[in-house]
């Protein structure tokens, strides 16, 4: 599916199409404020996978890191791919923000612990954490193996738990954690059982983190995006063409900037009374039962 900005350009529009819910914010072009001024945020999965396309869309992790920085936060960009994390930091600094890059594999607890410790050492404190990592596996039950199942769970679920176990006692009061899930947690959307199951389990993990965080003044919420136009999403559409032709709300996929806006809101003090919730950002696909 074409990126909204491309569609708007073809029509000679100024990127504002109310019927399709396309605005400057949709495209990451709106002016920014200071809702995260003085805060320190760690984004696990802040890089972006390589794309075969000449002009690929931005991914969720990079957009979230950039948005937090634009709103005044210092950002620790953690990714398994050093080059991808460094590219995100370079983009943040080019835009006038502050960021640090570090490498960690979400499947390795020691690396998660080190990344969090390094982030606090470099930034001085930690107010927010975004957990934006996930891998897939075989579709269906027949091709599932113990090794592939455990590999997915170690990244998609155990890594999130370990990051929270490590960071929660070290975070500043007033802080917040955001788990990036998927609407695949609400229905068997991807057919990849390990992915869908692990994303669904994040809701339960989030509630426990929120329970333990509440006396510390720390919130935790889940954001479950629907189809989003990212390099990962386009790869998924190439593997599963039905993904790209499904009935979409407002006739388009979401953008990573829309994911980033909601994530930044949940991290900010504007969301200070939102806790232990699953927020769905899919344009209404699940609520309207679009097919």
Foldseek 3Di string as FASTA:
>chain_A
DDDLVVVCVVVVHPQDDVLLPTDCLLQVRDQEEQLLAPAEEEEEALFADDFPDPDAAADQNLLLQLNNQSNHYEYEYEYQDQVRSVVSQVVNVVVPGHYHYDYAQLLDLVRLLVSLVVSCVVSVAHAEYEYDDFDFADFDDPPDDPVRLVVRCSRLAVSVLSNLVNCLVGHAAQGEYEYEAACLCVPVVLSGVSRNVSSVCVLVSQLVSQVVNVVRNYAYEYEHEYQERGSVSVVSCVVPVVSVVFDAQSRDFGYSSVVSVVVSCRRGCVVSPDHSYYHYHRNCCVVVVGD
